[in-house]
């Protein structure tokens, strides 16, 4: 199961994730939550993955799908505090380079100001 806690910092939404992003568990929850935020007009989202314990291929696909949805709507999705294990998964799948990844929340938030 994936728990999602939302925090707003200016125009940026930080989603603190806890649990697994896997098929039948966190993948649908993440998609639904992001779609809700997009529907509300939010364009800047950071996924804090410090407490994500596992990411399977379905979860990886969901991250990519969410990133594409964000970019198509004129927004951006950034990752924060990914574990070495998740970084390795993204690198093996040759997907690491499509995400902006940060280890500092303030830096991730500030990067949105530099983008526009």
PDB file of N, CA and C in Angstrom:
ATOM      1  N   UNK A   1       0.837  -1.187   0.000  1.00  0.00           N
ATOM      2  CA  UNK A   1       0.000   0.000   0.000  1.00  0.00           C
ATOM      3  C   UNK A   1       0.878   1.246   0.000  1.00  0.00           C
ATOM      4  N   UNK A   2       0.429   2.269  -0.698  1.00  0.00           N
ATOM      5  CA  UNK A   2       1.160   3.523  -0.783  1.00  0.00           C
ATOM      6  C   UNK A   2       0.395   4.608  -0.036  1.00  0.00           C
ATOM      7  N   UNK A   3       1.075   5.254   0.905  1.00  0.00           N
ATOM      8  CA  UNK A   3       0.496   6.401   1.607  1.00  0.00           C
ATOM      9  C   UNK A   3       1.029   7.662   0.948  1.00  0.00           C
ATOM     10  N   UNK A   4       0.151   8.654   0.767  1.00  0.00           N
ATOM     11  CA  UNK A   4       0.536   9.909   0.132  1.00  0.00           C
ATOM     12  C   UNK A   4       0.124  11.056   1.035  1.00  0.00           C
ATOM     13  N   UNK A   5       1.111  11.874   1.416  1.00  0.00           N
ATOM     14  CA  UNK A   5       0.836  13.083   2.193  1.00  0.00           C
ATOM     15  C   UNK A   5       1.234  14.278   1.345  1.00  0.00           C
ATOM     16  N   UNK A   6       0.328  15.231   1.245  1.00  0.00           N
ATOM     17  CA  UNK A   6       0.526  16.399   0.389  1.00  0.00           C
ATOM     18  C   UNK A   6       0.955  17.607   1.203  1.00  0.00           C
ATOM     19  N   UNK A   7       1.917  18.333   0.659  1.00  0.00           N
ATOM     20  CA  UNK A   7       2.379  19.578   1.273  1.00  0.00           C
ATOM     21  C   UNK A   7       2.507  20.608   0.159  1.00  0.00           C
ATOM     22  N   UNK A   8       2.011  21.815   0.392  1.00  0.00           N
ATOM     23  CA  UNK A   8       2.112  22.879  -0.594  1.00  0.00           C
ATOM     24  C   UNK A   8       3.153  23.890  -0.145  1.00  0.00           C
ATOM     25  N   UNK A   9       4.068  24.205  -1.058  1.00  0.00           N
ATOM     26  CA  UNK A   9       5.088  25.225  -0.805  1.00  0.00           C
ATOM     27  C   UNK A   9       5.007  26.205  -1.973  1.00  0.00           C
ATOM     28  N   UNK A  10       4.329  27.333  -1.753  1.00  0.00           N
ATOM     29  CA  UNK A  10       4.114  28.284  -2.843  1.00  0.00           C
ATOM     30  C   UNK A  10       3.250  27.642  -3.919  1.00  0.00           C
ATOM     31  N   UNK A  11       3.797  27.553  -5.133  1.00  0.00           N
ATOM     32  CA  UNK A  11       3.063  26.944  -6.248  1.00  0.00           C
ATOM     33  C   UNK A  11       3.483  25.493  -6.491  1.00  0.00           C
ATOM     34  N   UNK A  12       4.266  24.948  -5.576  1.00  0.00           N
ATOM     35  CA  UNK A  12       4.789  23.588  -5.724  1.00  0.00           C
ATOM     36  C   UNK A  12       4.074  22.647  -4.756  1.00  0.00           C
ATOM     37  N   UNK A  13       3.687  21.488  -5.273  1.00  0.00           N
ATOM     38  CA  UNK A  13       3.102  20.442  -4.438  1.00  0.00           C
ATOM     39  C   UNK A  13       4.181  19.392  -4.191  1.00  0.00           C
ATOM     40  N   UNK A  14       4.441  19.102  -2.925  1.00  0.00           N
ATOM     41  CA  UNK A  14       5.369  18.033  -2.560  1.00  0.00           C
ATOM     42  C   UNK A  14       4.527  16.874  -2.043  1.00  0.00           C
ATOM     43  N   UNK A  15       4.667  15.726  -2.695  1.00  0.00           N
ATOM     44  CA  UNK A  15       3.965  14.527  -2.246  1.00  0.00           C
ATOM     45  C   UNK A  15       4.964  13.630  -1.536  1.00  0.00           C
ATOM     46  N   UNK A  16       4.757  13.452  -0.244  1.00  0.00           N
ATOM     47  CA  UNK A  16       5.604  12.559   0.546  1.00  0.00           C
ATOM     48  C   UNK A  16       5.001  11.166   0.456  1.00  0.00           C
ATOM     49  N   UNK A  17       5.736  10.270  -0.181  1.00  0.00           N
ATOM     50  CA  UNK A  17       5.249   8.918  -0.432  1.00  0.00           C
ATOM     51  C   UNK A  17       5.842   7.949   0.578  1.00  0.00           C
ATOM     52  N   UNK A  18       5.028   6.978   1.003  1.00  0.00           N
ATOM     53  CA  UNK A  18       5.501   5.954   1.936  1.00  0.00           C
ATOM     54  C   UNK A  18       4.904   4.618   1.528  1.00  0.00           C
ATOM     55  N   UNK A  19       5.770   3.632   1.339  1.00  0.00           N
ATOM     56  CA  UNK A  19       5.302   2.295   0.987  1.00  0.00           C
ATOM     57  C   UNK A  19       5.871   1.836  -0.332  1.00  0.00           C
ATOM     58  N   UNK A  20       5.088   1.028  -1.034  1.00  0.00           N
ATOM     59  CA  UNK A  20       5.527   0.427  -2.291  1.00  0.00           C
ATOM     60  C   UNK A  20       4.739   1.002  -3.462  1.00  0.00           C
ATOM     61  N   UNK A  21       5.436   1.179  -4.585  1.00  0.00           N
ATOM     62  CA  UNK A  21       4.770   1.559  -5.828  1.00  0.00           C
ATOM     63  C   UNK A  21       4.866   0.328  -6.724  1.00  0.00           C
ATOM     64  N   UNK A  22       3.840  -0.505  -6.634  1.00  0.00           N
ATOM     65  CA  UNK A  22       3.843  -1.789  -7.342  1.00  0.00           C
ATOM     66  C   UNK A  22       2.492  -2.027  -8.000  1.00  0.00           C
ATOM     67  N   UNK A  23       2.458  -3.013  -8.881  1.00  0.00           N
ATOM     68  CA  UNK A  23       1.212  -3.348  -9.568  1.00  0.00           C
ATOM     69  C   UNK A  23       0.138  -3.722  -8.539  1.00  0.00           C
ATOM     70  N   UNK A  24      -1.022  -3.122  -8.705  1.00  0.00           N
ATOM     71  CA  UNK A  24      -2.139  -3.428  -7.826  1.00  0.00           C
ATOM     72  C   UNK A  24      -2.037  -2.805  -6.450  1.00  0.00           C
ATOM     73  N   UNK A  25      -0.994  -2.028  -6.227  1.00  0.00           N
ATOM     74  CA  UNK A  25      -0.835  -1.406  -4.910  1.00  0.00           C
ATOM     75  C   UNK A  25      -0.698   0.098  -5.079  1.00  0.00           C
ATOM     76  N   UNK A  26       0.504   0.579  -5.190  1.00  0.00           N
ATOM     77  CA  UNK A  26       0.714   2.018  -5.222  1.00  0.00           C
ATOM     78  C   UNK A  26       0.602   2.659  -6.579  1.00  0.00           C
ATOM     79  N   UNK A  27       0.691   1.864  -7.655  1.00  0.00           N
ATOM     80  CA  UNK A  27       0.696   2.481  -8.977  1.00  0.00           C
ATOM     81  C   UNK A  27      -0.605   3.223  -9.271  1.00  0.00           C
ATOM     82  N   UNK A  28      -1.736   2.599  -9.027  1.00  0.00           N
ATOM     83  CA  UNK A  28      -3.034   3.230  -9.286  1.00  0.00           C
ATOM     84  C   UNK A  28      -3.281   4.395  -8.335  1.00  0.00           C
ATOM     85  N   UNK A  29      -2.868   4.250  -7.083  1.00  0.00           N
ATOM     86  CA  UNK A  29      -3.056   5.325  -6.104  1.00  0.00           C
ATOM     87  C   UNK A  29      -2.287   6.571  -6.530  1.00  0.00           C
ATOM     88  N   UNK A  30      -1.060   6.376  -6.989  1.00  0.00           N
ATOM     89  CA  UNK A  30      -0.243   7.508  -7.428  1.00  0.00           C
ATOM     90  C   UNK A  30      -0.866   8.172  -8.650  1.00  0.00           C
ATOM     91  N   UNK A  31      -1.276   7.377  -9.620  1.00  0.00           N
ATOM     92  CA  UNK A  31      -1.891   7.905 -10.841  1.00  0.00           C
ATOM     93  C   UNK A  31      -3.129   8.729 -10.510  1.00  0.00           C
ATOM     94  N   UNK A  32      -4.007   8.176  -9.694  1.00  0.00           N
ATOM     95  CA  UNK A  32      -5.249   8.856  -9.322  1.00  0.00           C
ATOM     96  C   UNK A  32      -4.966  10.178  -8.620  1.00  0.00           C
ATOM     97  N   UNK A  33      -3.997  10.166  -7.724  1.00  0.00           N
ATOM     98  CA  UNK A  33      -3.671  11.373  -6.967  1.00  0.00           C
ATOM     99  C   UNK A  33      -3.120  12.462  -7.888  1.00  0.00           C
ATOM    100  N   UNK A  34      -2.205  12.076  -8.786  1.00  0.00           N
ATOM    101  CA  UNK A  34      -1.615  13.047  -9.716  1.00  0.00           C
ATOM    102  C   UNK A  34      -2.682  13.593 -10.661  1.00  0.00           C
ATOM    103  N   UNK A  35      -3.560  12.734 -11.149  1.00  0.00           N
ATOM    104  CA  UNK A  35      -4.633  13.191 -12.037  1.00  0.00           C
ATOM    105  C   UNK A  35      -5.545  14.189 -11.333  1.00  0.00           C
ATOM    106  N   UNK A  36      -5.801  13.965 -10.045  1.00  0.00           N
ATOM    107  CA  UNK A  36      -6.607  14.905  -9.256  1.00  0.00           C
ATOM    108  C   UNK A  36      -5.907  16.261  -9.189  1.00  0.00           C
ATOM    109  N   UNK A  37      -4.603  16.242  -8.928  1.00  0.00           N
ATOM    110  CA  UNK A  37      -3.842  17.492  -8.843  1.00  0.00           C
ATOM    111  C   UNK A  37      -3.824  18.223 -10.186  1.00  0.00           C
ATOM    112  N   UNK A  38      -3.639  17.480 -11.266  1.00  0.00           N
ATOM    113  CA  UNK A  38      -3.664  18.094 -12.600  1.00  0.00           C
ATOM    114  C   UNK A  38      -5.028  18.717 -12.873  1.00  0.00           C
ATOM    115  N   UNK A  39      -6.089  18.020 -12.495  1.00  0.00           N
ATOM    116  CA  UNK A  39      -7.443  18.532 -12.670  1.00  0.00           C
ATOM    117  C   UNK A  39      -7.692  19.816 -11.895  1.00  0.00           C
ATOM    118  N   UNK A  40      -6.963  19.980 -10.793  1.00  0.00           N
ATOM    119  CA  UNK A  40      -7.076  21.193  -9.978  1.00  0.00           C
ATOM    120  C   UNK A  40      -6.161  22.302 -10.498  1.00  0.00           C
ATOM    121  N   UNK A  41      -5.398  22.011 -11.554  1.00  0.00           N
ATOM    122  CA  UNK A  41      -4.541  23.032 -12.159  1.00  0.00           C
ATOM    123  C   UNK A  41      -3.112  23.084 -11.649  1.00  0.00           C
ATOM    124  N   UNK A  42      -2.712  22.125 -10.849  1.00  0.00           N
ATOM    125  CA  UNK A  42      -1.338  22.121 -10.335  1.00  0.00           C
ATOM    126  C   UNK A  42      -0.376  21.664 -11.426  1.00  0.00           C
ATOM    127  N   UNK A  43       0.712  22.402 -11.593  1.00  0.00           N
ATOM    128  CA  UNK A  43       1.677  22.140 -12.664  1.00  0.00           C
ATOM    129  C   UNK A  43       3.060  21.754 -12.157  1.00  0.00           C
ATOM    130  N   UNK A  44       3.307  21.898 -10.880  1.00  0.00           N
ATOM    131  CA  UNK A  44       4.639  21.661 -10.316  1.00  0.00           C
ATOM    132  C   UNK A  44       4.538  20.669  -9.168  1.00  0.00           C
ATOM    133  N   UNK A  45       5.032  19.459  -9.415  1.00  0.00           N
ATOM    134  CA  UNK A  45       4.904  18.400  -8.414  1.00  0.00           C
ATOM    135  C   UNK A  45       6.254  17.743  -8.166  1.00  0.00           C
ATOM    136  N   UNK A  46       6.540  17.538  -6.896  1.00  0.00           N
ATOM    137  CA  UNK A  46       7.744  16.820  -6.471  1.00  0.00           C
ATOM    138  C   UNK A  46       7.289  15.560  -5.745  1.00  0.00           C
ATOM    139  N   UNK A  47       7.864  14.428  -6.127  1.00  0.00           N
ATOM    140  CA  UNK A  47       7.599  13.179  -5.417  1.00  0.00           C
ATOM    141  C   UNK A  47       8.764  12.909  -4.484  1.00  0.00           C
ATOM    142  N   UNK A  48       8.516  13.030  -3.176  1.00  0.00           N
ATOM    143  CA  UNK A  48       9.542  12.709  -2.184  1.00  0.00           C
ATOM    144  C   UNK A  48       9.467  11.205  -1.939  1.00  0.00           C
ATOM    145  N   UNK A  49      10.490  10.500  -2.417  1.00  0.00           N
ATOM    146  CA  UNK A  49      10.472   9.040  -2.382  1.00  0.00           C
ATOM    147  C   UNK A  49      11.370   8.466  -1.294  1.00  0.00           C
ATOM    148  N   UNK A  50      11.701   9.276  -0.294  1.00  0.00           N
ATOM    149  CA  UNK A  50      12.596   8.833   0.781  1.00  0.00           C
ATOM    150  C   UNK A  50      12.072   7.592   1.492  1.00  0.00           C
ATOM    151  N   UNK A  51      10.747   7.457   1.569  1.00  0.00           N
ATOM    152  CA  UNK A  51      10.167   6.324   2.311  1.00  0.00           C
ATOM    153  C   UNK A  51       9.462   5.326   1.394  1.00  0.00           C
ATOM    154  N   UNK A  52       9.842   5.347   0.111  1.00  0.00           N
ATOM    155  CA  UNK A  52       9.338   4.329  -0.814  1.00  0.00           C
ATOM    156  C   UNK A  52      10.254   3.125  -0.683  1.00  0.00           C
ATOM    157  N   UNK A  53       9.685   2.014  -0.262  1.00  0.00           N
ATOM    158  CA  UNK A  53      10.501   0.829   0.023  1.00  0.00           C
ATOM    159  C   UNK A  53      10.734  -0.053  -1.191  1.00  0.00           C
ATOM    160  N   UNK A  54       9.871   0.052  -2.200  1.00  0.00           N
ATOM    161  CA  UNK A  54      10.022  -0.824  -3.357  1.00  0.00           C
ATOM    162  C   UNK A  54       9.312  -0.235  -4.564  1.00  0.00           C
ATOM    163  N   UNK A  55       9.908  -0.451  -5.721  1.00  0.00           N
ATOM    164  CA  UNK A  55       9.352   0.007  -6.992  1.00  0.00           C
ATOM    165  C   UNK A  55       9.500  -1.142  -7.986  1.00  0.00           C
ATOM    166  N   UNK A  56       8.370  -1.659  -8.507  1.00  0.00           N
ATOM    167  CA  UNK A  56       8.471  -2.729  -9.503  1.00  0.00           C
ATOM    168  C   UNK A  56       8.312  -2.136 -10.903  1.00  0.00           C
ATOM    169  N   UNK A  57       8.253  -3.003 -11.915  1.00  0.00           N
ATOM    170  CA  UNK A  57       8.175  -2.513 -13.294  1.00  0.00           C
ATOM    171  C   UNK A  57       6.890  -1.725 -13.540  1.00  0.00           C
ATOM    172  N   UNK A  58       5.800  -2.120 -12.907  1.00  0.00           N
ATOM    173  CA  UNK A  58       4.548  -1.385 -13.047  1.00  0.00           C
ATOM    174  C   UNK A  58       4.667   0.005 -12.416  1.00  0.00           C
ATOM    175  N   UNK A  59       5.292   0.063 -11.256  1.00  0.00           N
ATOM    176  CA  UNK A  59       5.519   1.345 -10.594  1.00  0.00           C
ATOM    177  C   UNK A  59       6.435   2.241 -11.402  1.00  0.00           C
ATOM    178  N   UNK A  60       7.461   1.641 -12.000  1.00  0.00           N
ATOM    179  CA  UNK A  60       8.380   2.395 -12.856  1.00  0.00           C
ATOM    180  C   UNK A  60       7.618   2.964 -14.048  1.00  0.00           C
ATOM    181  N   UNK A  61       6.781   2.127 -14.656  1.00  0.00           N
ATOM    182  CA  UNK A  61       5.967   2.579 -15.780  1.00  0.00           C
ATOM    183  C   UNK A  61       5.023   3.695 -15.384  1.00  0.00           C
ATOM    184  N   UNK A  62       4.500   3.617 -14.176  1.00  0.00           N
ATOM    185  CA  UNK A  62       3.587   4.656 -13.695  1.00  0.00           C
ATOM    186  C   UNK A  62       4.317   5.986 -13.506  1.00  0.00           C
ATOM    187  N   UNK A  63       5.548   5.939 -12.995  1.00  0.00           N
ATOM    188  CA  UNK A  63       6.335   7.172 -12.859  1.00  0.00           C
ATOM    189  C   UNK A  63       6.535   7.833 -14.220  1.00  0.00           C
ATOM    190  N   UNK A  64       6.866   7.034 -15.218  1.00  0.00           N
ATOM    191  CA  UNK A  64       7.072   7.566 -16.569  1.00  0.00           C
ATOM    192  C   UNK A  64       5.761   8.118 -17.121  1.00  0.00           C
ATOM    193  N   UNK A  65       4.670   7.391 -16.937  1.00  0.00           N
ATOM    194  CA  UNK A  65       3.364   7.831 -17.414  1.00  0.00           C
ATOM    195  C   UNK A  65       2.954   9.157 -16.779  1.00  0.00           C
ATOM    196  N   UNK A  66       3.171   9.272 -15.486  1.00  0.00           N
ATOM    197  CA  UNK A  66       2.834  10.502 -14.765  1.00  0.00           C
ATOM    198  C   UNK A  66       3.699  11.658 -15.273  1.00  0.00           C
ATOM    199  N   UNK A  67       4.977  11.400 -15.499  1.00  0.00           N
ATOM    200  CA  UNK A  67       5.876  12.431 -16.025  1.00  0.00           C
ATOM    201  C   UNK A  67       5.385  12.920 -17.385  1.00  0.00           C
ATOM    202  N   UNK A  68       5.009  11.999 -18.253  1.00  0.00           N
ATOM    203  CA  UNK A  68       4.518  12.367 -19.588  1.00  0.00           C
ATOM    204  C   UNK A  68       3.233  13.187 -19.480  1.00  0.00           C
ATOM    205  N   UNK A  69       2.298  12.768 -18.620  1.00  0.00           N
ATOM    206  CA  UNK A  69       1.052  13.523 -18.422  1.00  0.00           C
ATOM    207  C   UNK A  69       1.350  14.939 -17.945  1.00  0.00           C
ATOM    208  N   UNK A  70       2.272  15.046 -17.003  1.00  0.00           N
ATOM    209  CA  UNK A  70       2.629  16.366 -16.475  1.00  0.00           C
ATOM    210  C   UNK A  70       3.183  17.257 -17.586  1.00  0.00           C
ATOM    211  N   UNK A  71       4.113  16.728 -18.357  1.00  0.00           N
ATOM    212  CA  UNK A  71       4.744  17.528 -19.417  1.00  0.00           C
ATOM    213  C   UNK A  71       3.750  17.901 -20.506  1.00  0.00           C
ATOM    214  N   UNK A  72       2.848  16.997 -20.849  1.00  0.00           N
ATOM    215  CA  UNK A  72       1.832  17.300 -21.873  1.00  0.00           C
ATOM    216  C   UNK A  72       0.895  18.410 -21.421  1.00  0.00           C
ATOM    217  N   UNK A  73       0.687  18.519 -20.122  1.00  0.00           N
ATOM    218  CA  UNK A  73      -0.203  19.556 -19.600  1.00  0.00           C
ATOM    219  C   UNK A  73       0.559  20.844 -19.286  1.00  0.00           C
ATOM    220  N   UNK A  74       1.842  20.885 -19.649  1.00  0.00           N
ATOM    221  CA  UNK A  74       2.649  22.083 -19.413  1.00  0.00           C
ATOM    222  C   UNK A  74       3.293  22.110 -18.045  1.00  0.00           C
ATOM    223  N   UNK A  75       3.220  21.011 -17.329  1.00  0.00           N
ATOM    224  CA  UNK A  75       3.791  20.945 -15.987  1.00  0.00           C
ATOM    225  C   UNK A  75       5.088  20.171 -15.946  1.00  0.00           C
ATOM    226  N   UNK A  76       5.542  19.926 -14.729  1.00  0.00           N
ATOM    227  CA  UNK A  76       6.784  19.184 -14.542  1.00  0.00           C
ATOM    228  C   UNK A  76       6.706  18.382 -13.253  1.00  0.00           C
ATOM    229  N   UNK A  77       7.330  17.216 -13.294  1.00  0.00           N
ATOM    230  CA  UNK A  77       7.405  16.318 -12.154  1.00  0.00           C
ATOM    231  C   UNK A  77       8.872  16.076 -11.850  1.00  0.00           C
ATOM    232  N   UNK A  78       9.237  16.195 -10.588  1.00  0.00           N
ATOM    233  CA  UNK A  78      10.620  15.964 -10.180  1.00  0.00           C
ATOM    234  C   UNK A  78      10.642  14.958  -9.039  1.00  0.00           C
ATOM    235  N   UNK A  79      11.744  14.235  -8.936  1.00  0.00           N
ATOM    236  CA  UNK A  79      11.892  13.225  -7.893  1.00  0.00           C
ATOM    237  C   UNK A  79      12.838  13.726  -6.818  1.00  0.00           C
ATOM    238  N   UNK A  80      12.543  13.352  -5.588  1.00  0.00           N
ATOM    239  CA  UNK A  80      13.334  13.775  -4.434  1.00  0.00           C
ATOM    240  C   UNK A  80      13.664  12.557  -3.581  1.00  0.00           C
ATOM    241  N   UNK A  81      14.905  12.499  -3.133  1.00  0.00           N
ATOM    242  CA  UNK A  81      15.344  11.478  -2.165  1.00  0.00           C
ATOM    243  C   UNK A  81      15.069  10.044  -2.604  1.00  0.00           C
ATOM    244  N   UNK A  82      15.470   9.702  -3.822  1.00  0.00           N
ATOM    245  CA  UNK A  82      15.296   8.304  -4.228  1.00  0.00           C
ATOM    246  C   UNK A  82      16.430   7.472  -3.632  1.00  0.00           C
ATOM    247  N   UNK A  83      16.123   6.244  -3.310  1.00  0.00           N
ATOM    248  CA  UNK A  83      17.137   5.342  -2.754  1.00  0.00           C
ATOM    249  C   UNK A  83      18.063   4.865  -3.870  1.00  0.00           C
ATOM    250  N   UNK A  84      19.199   4.330  -3.476  1.00  0.00           N
ATOM    251  CA  UNK A  84      20.129   3.784  -4.464  1.00  0.00           C
ATOM    252  C   UNK A  84      19.467   2.650  -5.245  1.00  0.00           C
ATOM    253  N   UNK A  85      18.649   1.873  -4.565  1.00  0.00           N
ATOM    254  CA  UNK A  85      17.953   0.748  -5.206  1.00  0.00           C
ATOM    255  C   UNK A  85      17.030   1.245  -6.320  1.00  0.00           C
ATOM    256  N   UNK A  86      16.268   2.294  -6.045  1.00  0.00           N
ATOM    257  CA  UNK A  86      15.356   2.846  -7.054  1.00  0.00           C
ATOM    258  C   UNK A  86      16.152   3.521  -8.166  1.00  0.00           C
ATOM    259  N   UNK A  87      17.227   4.192  -7.809  1.00  0.00           N
ATOM    260  CA  UNK A  87      18.096   4.794  -8.827  1.00  0.00           C
ATOM    261  C   UNK A  87      18.623   3.713  -9.766  1.00  0.00           C
ATOM    262  N   UNK A  88      19.050   2.598  -9.203  1.00  0.00           N
ATOM    263  CA  UNK A  88      19.554   1.482 -10.013  1.00  0.00           C
ATOM    264  C   UNK A  88      18.473   0.952 -10.954  1.00  0.00           C
ATOM    265  N   UNK A  89      17.249   0.816 -10.446  1.00  0.00           N
ATOM    266  CA  UNK A  89      16.137   0.337 -11.281  1.00  0.00           C
ATOM    267  C   UNK A  89      15.922   1.280 -12.459  1.00  0.00           C
ATOM    268  N   UNK A  90      15.905   2.579 -12.189  1.00  0.00           N
ATOM    269  CA  UNK A  90      15.695   3.564 -13.257  1.00  0.00           C
ATOM    270  C   UNK A  90      16.854   3.558 -14.250  1.00  0.00           C
ATOM    271  N   UNK A  91      18.080   3.370 -13.755  1.00  0.00           N
ATOM    272  CA  UNK A  91      19.237   3.334 -14.649  1.00  0.00           C
ATOM    273  C   UNK A  91      19.228   2.082 -15.517  1.00  0.00           C
ATOM    274  N   UNK A  92      18.907   0.939 -14.942  1.00  0.00           N
ATOM    275  CA  UNK A  92      18.843  -0.310 -15.714  1.00  0.00           C
ATOM    276  C   UNK A  92      17.795  -0.193 -16.823  1.00  0.00           C
ATOM    277  N   UNK A  93      16.681   0.444 -16.509  1.00  0.00           N
ATOM    278  CA  UNK A  93      15.610   0.634 -17.495  1.00  0.00           C
ATOM    279  C   UNK A  93      15.909   1.800 -18.441  1.00  0.00           C
ATOM    280  N   UNK A  94      17.053   2.422 -18.270  1.00  0.00           N
ATOM    281  CA  UNK A  94      17.489   3.577 -19.062  1.00  0.00           C
ATOM    282  C   UNK A  94      16.481   4.725 -18.987  1.00  0.00           C
ATOM    283  N   UNK A  95      15.939   4.934 -17.791  1.00  0.00           N
ATOM    284  CA  UNK A  95      14.947   5.984 -17.571  1.00  0.00           C
ATOM    285  C   UNK A  95      15.432   7.069 -16.613  1.00  0.00           C
ATOM    286  N   UNK A  96      16.568   6.849 -15.979  1.00  0.00           N
ATOM    287  CA  UNK A  96      17.037   7.796 -14.967  1.00  0.00           C
ATOM    288  C   UNK A  96      17.209   9.198 -15.546  1.00  0.00           C
ATOM    289  N   UNK A  97      17.703   9.283 -16.763  1.00  0.00           N
ATOM    290  CA  UNK A  97      18.024  10.586 -17.353  1.00  0.00           C
ATOM    291  C   UNK A  97      16.792  11.417 -17.713  1.00  0.00           C
ATOM    292  N   UNK A  98      15.604  10.813 -17.773  1.00  0.00           N
ATOM    293  CA  UNK A  98      14.421  11.608 -18.130  1.00  0.00           C
ATOM    294  C   UNK A  98      13.842  12.356 -16.929  1.00  0.00           C
ATOM    295  N   UNK A  99      14.283  11.992 -15.737  1.00  0.00           N
ATOM    296  CA  UNK A  99      13.792  12.645 -14.519  1.00  0.00           C
ATOM    297  C   UNK A  99      14.826  13.618 -13.969  1.00  0.00           C
ATOM    298  N   UNK A 100      14.337  14.719 -13.418  1.00  0.00           N
ATOM    299  CA  UNK A 100      15.206  15.569 -12.605  1.00  0.00           C
ATOM    300  C   UNK A 100      15.122  15.013 -11.194  1.00  0.00           C
ATOM    301  N   UNK A 101      16.282  14.712 -10.610  1.00  0.00           N
ATOM    302  CA  UNK A 101      16.329  14.078  -9.295  1.00  0.00           C
ATOM    303  C   UNK A 101      17.117  14.962  -8.339  1.00  0.00           C
ATOM    304  N   UNK A 102      16.580  15.137  -7.143  1.00  0.00           N
ATOM    305  CA  UNK A 102      17.204  15.990  -6.133  1.00  0.00           C
ATOM    306  C   UNK A 102      17.346  15.245  -4.811  1.00  0.00           C
ATOM    307  N   UNK A 103      18.282  15.703  -3.997  1.00  0.00           N
ATOM    308  CA  UNK A 103      18.452  15.156  -2.649  1.00  0.00           C
ATOM    309  C   UNK A 103      18.084  16.187  -1.588  1.00  0.00           C
ATOM    310  N   UNK A 104      17.777  17.408  -2.017  1.00  0.00           N
ATOM    311  CA  UNK A 104      17.436  18.488  -1.094  1.00  0.00           C
ATOM    312  C   UNK A 104      16.096  19.100  -1.516  1.00  0.00           C
ATOM    313  N   UNK A 105      15.132  19.118  -0.604  1.00  0.00           N
ATOM    314  CA  UNK A 105      13.796  19.613  -0.944  1.00  0.00           C
ATOM    315  C   UNK A 105      13.807  21.079  -1.362  1.00  0.00           C
ATOM    316  N   UNK A 106      14.531  21.914  -0.641  1.00  0.00           N
ATOM    317  CA  UNK A 106      14.573  23.338  -0.973  1.00  0.00           C
ATOM    318  C   UNK A 106      15.152  23.553  -2.374  1.00  0.00           C
ATOM    319  N   UNK A 107      16.163  22.776  -2.707  1.00  0.00           N
ATOM    320  CA  UNK A 107      16.776  22.867  -4.038  1.00  0.00           C
ATOM    321  C   UNK A 107      15.786  22.425  -5.120  1.00  0.00           C
ATOM    322  N   UNK A 108      15.040  21.370  -4.844  1.00  0.00           N
ATOM    323  CA  UNK A 108      14.040  20.884  -5.805  1.00  0.00           C
ATOM    324  C   UNK A 108      12.962  21.940  -6.032  1.00  0.00           C
ATOM    325  N   UNK A 109      12.500  22.558  -4.962  1.00  0.00           N
ATOM    326  CA  UNK A 109      11.478  23.607  -5.070  1.00  0.00           C
ATOM    327  C   UNK A 109      12.032  24.799  -5.843  1.00  0.00           C
ATOM    328  N   UNK A 110      13.248  25.220  -5.507  1.00  0.00           N
ATOM    329  CA  UNK A 110      13.876  26.362  -6.178  1.00  0.00           C
ATOM    330  C   UNK A 110      14.083  26.099  -7.669  1.00  0.00           C
ATOM    331  N   UNK A 111      14.272  24.844  -8.039  1.00  0.00           N
ATOM    332  CA  UNK A 111      14.513  24.521  -9.452  1.00  0.00           C
ATOM    333  C   UNK A 111      13.318  24.881 -10.328  1.00  0.00           C
ATOM    334  N   UNK A 112      12.122  24.881  -9.763  1.00  0.00           N
ATOM    335  CA  UNK A 112      10.953  25.277 -10.541  1.00  0.00           C
ATOM    336  C   UNK A 112      11.018  26.754 -10.897  1.00  0.00           C
ATOM    337  N   UNK A 113      11.546  27.561 -10.007  1.00  0.00           N
ATOM    338  CA  UNK A 113      11.677  28.988 -10.284  1.00  0.00           C
ATOM    339  C   UNK A 113      12.695  29.223 -11.386  1.00  0.00           C
ATOM    340  N   UNK A 114      13.740  28.409 -11.417  1.00  0.00           N
ATOM    341  CA  UNK A 114      14.778  28.535 -12.442  1.00  0.00           C
ATOM    342  C   UNK A 114      14.273  28.056 -13.800  1.00  0.00           C
ATOM    343  N   UNK A 115      13.287  27.142 -13.800  1.00  0.00           N
ATOM    344  CA  UNK A 115      12.765  26.570 -15.048  1.00  0.00           C
ATOM    345  C   UNK A 115      11.972  27.574 -15.868  1.00  0.00           C
ATOM    346  N   UNK A 116      11.255  28.439 -15.214  1.00  0.00           N
ATOM    347  CA  UNK A 116      10.305  29.302 -15.938  1.00  0.00           C
ATOM    348  C   UNK A 116      10.769  30.735 -15.961  1.00  0.00           C
TER     349      UNK A 116
END
